[in-house]
N, C-alpha and C. Protein backbone atom coordinates (compact mmCIF):
# COMPACT_ATOMS: atom_id res chain seq x y z
N UNK A 1 -62.86 117.33 -97.26
CA UNK A 1 -61.44 117.30 -96.92
C UNK A 1 -60.86 118.70 -97.07
N UNK A 2 -59.98 119.03 -96.16
CA UNK A 2 -59.29 120.31 -96.18
C UNK A 2 -57.81 120.07 -96.35
N UNK A 3 -57.20 120.80 -97.25
CA UNK A 3 -55.76 120.66 -97.49
C UNK A 3 -55.02 121.63 -96.59
N UNK A 4 -54.14 121.09 -95.77
CA UNK A 4 -53.29 121.89 -94.89
C UNK A 4 -51.87 121.84 -95.44
N UNK A 5 -51.23 123.00 -95.50
CA UNK A 5 -49.85 123.09 -95.98
C UNK A 5 -49.04 123.73 -94.87
N UNK A 6 -47.93 123.08 -94.50
CA UNK A 6 -47.08 123.55 -93.40
C UNK A 6 -45.77 124.09 -93.96
N UNK A 7 -45.28 125.17 -93.35
CA UNK A 7 -44.07 125.82 -93.83
C UNK A 7 -43.02 125.95 -92.72
N UNK A 8 -41.75 126.00 -93.15
CA UNK A 8 -40.58 126.29 -92.29
C UNK A 8 -40.56 125.36 -91.08
N UNK A 9 -40.32 125.92 -89.88
CA UNK A 9 -40.17 125.03 -88.72
C UNK A 9 -41.47 124.38 -88.31
N UNK A 10 -42.61 124.88 -88.71
CA UNK A 10 -43.87 124.17 -88.44
C UNK A 10 -43.83 122.84 -89.20
N UNK A 11 -43.44 122.87 -90.46
CA UNK A 11 -43.32 121.65 -91.27
C UNK A 11 -42.30 120.69 -90.66
N UNK A 12 -41.16 121.22 -90.23
CA UNK A 12 -40.11 120.37 -89.67
C UNK A 12 -40.59 119.68 -88.39
N UNK A 13 -41.29 120.39 -87.54
CA UNK A 13 -41.74 119.80 -86.27
C UNK A 13 -42.87 118.81 -86.46
N UNK A 14 -43.77 119.08 -87.41
CA UNK A 14 -44.87 118.14 -87.67
C UNK A 14 -44.36 116.93 -88.45
N UNK A 15 -43.36 117.15 -89.29
CA UNK A 15 -42.77 116.04 -90.03
C UNK A 15 -43.39 115.80 -91.39
N UNK A 16 -44.18 116.75 -91.90
CA UNK A 16 -44.74 116.63 -93.23
C UNK A 16 -45.03 118.01 -93.78
N UNK A 17 -45.02 118.14 -95.09
CA UNK A 17 -45.24 119.42 -95.73
C UNK A 17 -46.70 119.76 -95.94
N UNK A 18 -47.52 118.72 -96.06
CA UNK A 18 -48.94 118.95 -96.27
C UNK A 18 -49.72 117.68 -95.97
N UNK A 19 -51.02 117.85 -95.82
CA UNK A 19 -51.91 116.72 -95.62
C UNK A 19 -53.34 117.17 -95.88
N UNK A 20 -54.21 116.21 -96.11
CA UNK A 20 -55.63 116.48 -96.25
C UNK A 20 -56.33 115.79 -95.09
N UNK A 21 -57.16 116.56 -94.39
CA UNK A 21 -57.86 115.99 -93.24
C UNK A 21 -59.33 116.39 -93.27
N UNK A 22 -60.14 115.55 -92.63
CA UNK A 22 -61.54 115.88 -92.41
C UNK A 22 -61.62 116.61 -91.08
N UNK A 23 -62.16 117.80 -91.11
CA UNK A 23 -62.28 118.59 -89.89
C UNK A 23 -63.66 118.40 -89.29
N UNK A 24 -63.73 118.25 -87.96
CA UNK A 24 -65.05 118.19 -87.30
C UNK A 24 -65.83 119.46 -87.57
N UNK A 25 -67.13 119.36 -87.58
CA UNK A 25 -67.97 120.52 -87.87
C UNK A 25 -67.84 121.61 -86.80
N UNK A 26 -67.32 121.26 -85.64
CA UNK A 26 -67.14 122.25 -84.57
C UNK A 26 -65.98 123.21 -84.83
N UNK A 27 -65.15 122.92 -85.83
CA UNK A 27 -64.01 123.77 -86.15
C UNK A 27 -64.50 124.88 -87.08
N UNK A 28 -64.64 126.09 -86.52
CA UNK A 28 -65.22 127.19 -87.29
C UNK A 28 -64.21 128.27 -87.66
N UNK A 29 -63.21 128.49 -86.81
CA UNK A 29 -62.25 129.58 -87.03
C UNK A 29 -60.83 129.04 -87.09
N UNK A 30 -59.93 129.92 -87.47
CA UNK A 30 -58.50 129.57 -87.47
C UNK A 30 -58.06 129.14 -86.08
N UNK A 31 -58.48 129.85 -85.05
CA UNK A 31 -58.10 129.49 -83.67
C UNK A 31 -58.61 128.10 -83.32
N UNK A 32 -59.84 127.78 -83.71
CA UNK A 32 -60.38 126.43 -83.48
C UNK A 32 -59.52 125.39 -84.16
N UNK A 33 -59.10 125.68 -85.39
CA UNK A 33 -58.27 124.75 -86.14
C UNK A 33 -56.94 124.50 -85.43
N UNK A 34 -56.28 125.57 -85.02
CA UNK A 34 -54.98 125.41 -84.34
C UNK A 34 -55.13 124.61 -83.06
N UNK A 35 -56.18 124.86 -82.30
CA UNK A 35 -56.42 124.09 -81.08
C UNK A 35 -56.69 122.63 -81.39
N UNK A 36 -57.45 122.36 -82.43
CA UNK A 36 -57.73 120.99 -82.84
C UNK A 36 -56.46 120.27 -83.28
N UNK A 37 -55.65 120.92 -84.08
CA UNK A 37 -54.43 120.29 -84.57
C UNK A 37 -53.51 119.87 -83.42
N UNK A 38 -53.47 120.67 -82.37
CA UNK A 38 -52.60 120.34 -81.23
C UNK A 38 -53.01 119.04 -80.56
N UNK A 39 -54.22 118.55 -80.81
CA UNK A 39 -54.68 117.30 -80.21
C UNK A 39 -54.31 116.08 -81.05
N UNK A 40 -53.71 116.29 -82.21
CA UNK A 40 -53.43 115.19 -83.12
C UNK A 40 -52.13 114.45 -82.84
N UNK A 41 -51.36 114.90 -81.87
CA UNK A 41 -50.12 114.21 -81.54
C UNK A 41 -49.06 115.16 -81.02
N UNK A 42 -48.02 114.57 -80.46
CA UNK A 42 -46.94 115.36 -79.85
C UNK A 42 -46.27 116.29 -80.85
N UNK A 43 -46.11 115.84 -82.09
CA UNK A 43 -45.43 116.67 -83.09
C UNK A 43 -46.25 117.92 -83.40
N UNK A 44 -47.57 117.78 -83.45
CA UNK A 44 -48.44 118.94 -83.69
C UNK A 44 -48.42 119.88 -82.48
N UNK A 45 -48.47 119.28 -81.30
CA UNK A 45 -48.43 120.10 -80.09
C UNK A 45 -47.14 120.89 -80.00
N UNK A 46 -46.02 120.27 -80.36
CA UNK A 46 -44.73 120.96 -80.34
C UNK A 46 -44.69 122.09 -81.36
N UNK A 47 -45.23 121.85 -82.55
CA UNK A 47 -45.20 122.85 -83.61
C UNK A 47 -46.11 124.04 -83.31
N UNK A 48 -47.19 123.79 -82.58
CA UNK A 48 -48.21 124.81 -82.37
C UNK A 48 -48.34 125.23 -80.91
N UNK A 49 -47.28 124.99 -80.13
CA UNK A 49 -47.36 125.28 -78.70
C UNK A 49 -47.54 126.76 -78.38
N UNK A 50 -47.15 127.63 -79.29
CA UNK A 50 -47.33 129.08 -79.11
C UNK A 50 -48.21 129.60 -80.25
N UNK A 51 -49.51 129.35 -80.19
CA UNK A 51 -50.38 129.69 -81.32
C UNK A 51 -50.40 131.17 -81.67
N UNK A 52 -50.10 132.04 -80.72
CA UNK A 52 -50.12 133.48 -81.01
C UNK A 52 -49.09 133.89 -82.05
N UNK A 53 -48.01 133.11 -82.22
CA UNK A 53 -47.00 133.47 -83.21
C UNK A 53 -47.23 132.80 -84.56
N UNK A 54 -48.16 131.87 -84.61
CA UNK A 54 -48.43 131.14 -85.85
C UNK A 54 -49.23 132.02 -86.80
N UNK A 55 -48.80 132.07 -88.05
CA UNK A 55 -49.51 132.81 -89.10
C UNK A 55 -50.30 131.80 -89.93
N UNK A 56 -51.43 132.25 -90.46
CA UNK A 56 -52.28 131.37 -91.24
C UNK A 56 -52.76 132.10 -92.49
N UNK A 57 -52.82 131.36 -93.59
CA UNK A 57 -53.38 131.89 -94.84
C UNK A 57 -54.49 130.96 -95.31
N UNK A 58 -55.63 131.55 -95.63
CA UNK A 58 -56.73 130.80 -96.22
C UNK A 58 -56.72 131.08 -97.72
N UNK A 59 -56.55 130.03 -98.50
CA UNK A 59 -56.47 130.18 -99.96
C UNK A 59 -55.50 131.30 -100.35
N UNK A 60 -54.32 131.27 -99.71
CA UNK A 60 -53.19 132.16 -99.99
C UNK A 60 -53.41 133.60 -99.56
N UNK A 61 -54.35 133.84 -98.66
CA UNK A 61 -54.57 135.19 -98.14
C UNK A 61 -54.42 135.17 -96.63
N UNK A 62 -53.49 136.00 -96.11
CA UNK A 62 -53.25 136.04 -94.67
C UNK A 62 -54.50 136.48 -93.93
N UNK A 63 -54.77 135.79 -92.82
CA UNK A 63 -55.96 136.10 -92.02
C UNK A 63 -55.61 136.09 -90.53
N UNK A 64 -56.48 136.66 -89.74
CA UNK A 64 -56.35 136.64 -88.29
C UNK A 64 -56.93 135.34 -87.75
N UNK A 65 -56.65 135.05 -86.49
CA UNK A 65 -57.10 133.80 -85.89
C UNK A 65 -58.60 133.72 -85.67
N UNK A 66 -59.30 134.85 -85.72
CA UNK A 66 -60.76 134.80 -85.54
C UNK A 66 -61.50 134.66 -86.88
N UNK A 67 -60.76 134.50 -87.96
CA UNK A 67 -61.36 134.37 -89.29
C UNK A 67 -62.03 132.99 -89.45
N UNK A 68 -63.26 132.95 -89.98
CA UNK A 68 -63.91 131.66 -90.27
C UNK A 68 -63.16 130.91 -91.37
N UNK A 69 -63.10 129.58 -91.25
CA UNK A 69 -62.39 128.79 -92.25
C UNK A 69 -63.34 128.12 -93.24
N UNK A 70 -64.64 128.30 -93.08
CA UNK A 70 -65.62 127.66 -93.97
C UNK A 70 -65.33 128.02 -95.43
N UNK A 71 -65.30 127.01 -96.26
CA UNK A 71 -65.11 127.21 -97.69
C UNK A 71 -63.66 127.28 -98.14
N UNK A 72 -62.71 127.32 -97.20
CA UNK A 72 -61.30 127.38 -97.59
C UNK A 72 -60.89 126.05 -98.23
N UNK A 73 -60.24 126.13 -99.37
CA UNK A 73 -59.74 124.93 -100.04
C UNK A 73 -58.35 124.56 -99.55
N UNK A 74 -57.56 125.58 -99.17
CA UNK A 74 -56.20 125.34 -98.70
C UNK A 74 -55.91 126.27 -97.53
N UNK A 75 -55.30 125.70 -96.49
CA UNK A 75 -54.93 126.47 -95.32
C UNK A 75 -53.43 126.32 -95.10
N UNK A 76 -52.73 127.43 -95.18
CA UNK A 76 -51.28 127.44 -94.96
C UNK A 76 -50.99 127.84 -93.53
N UNK A 77 -50.09 127.11 -92.89
CA UNK A 77 -49.74 127.36 -91.50
C UNK A 77 -48.22 127.52 -91.42
N UNK A 78 -47.79 128.66 -90.86
CA UNK A 78 -46.35 128.94 -90.85
C UNK A 78 -45.97 129.85 -89.70
N UNK A 79 -44.69 129.86 -89.36
CA UNK A 79 -44.20 130.73 -88.30
C UNK A 79 -44.15 132.18 -88.78
N UNK A 80 -43.89 133.09 -87.85
CA UNK A 80 -43.81 134.51 -88.26
C UNK A 80 -42.71 134.72 -89.30
N UNK A 81 -42.95 135.64 -90.20
CA UNK A 81 -41.97 135.96 -91.22
C UNK A 81 -41.10 137.11 -90.73
N UNK A 82 -39.85 137.08 -91.12
CA UNK A 82 -38.95 138.17 -90.76
C UNK A 82 -38.53 138.91 -92.02
N UNK A 83 -38.18 140.14 -91.85
CA UNK A 83 -37.72 140.94 -92.99
C UNK A 83 -36.31 140.55 -93.39
N UNK A 84 -35.89 141.07 -94.50
CA UNK A 84 -34.53 140.73 -94.89
C UNK A 84 -34.23 141.12 -96.30
């Protein structure tokens, strides 16, 4: 099981703050994960419709979309951050 944590408007659009899911073995990278999540329902598709702007952290460390997710205990998914 992989723990996914959603933040800000990603959380609002999906309708939950976190969940644990079993990922198919074909999901190897962050990009694979985002594409897979979009197939889980309209709310996921709406939240992840522009994957290029989605930021991801594996075990609290920001990574690029080509990063392998193997071994990650927690995956955070959130919109771009702004300064302030």
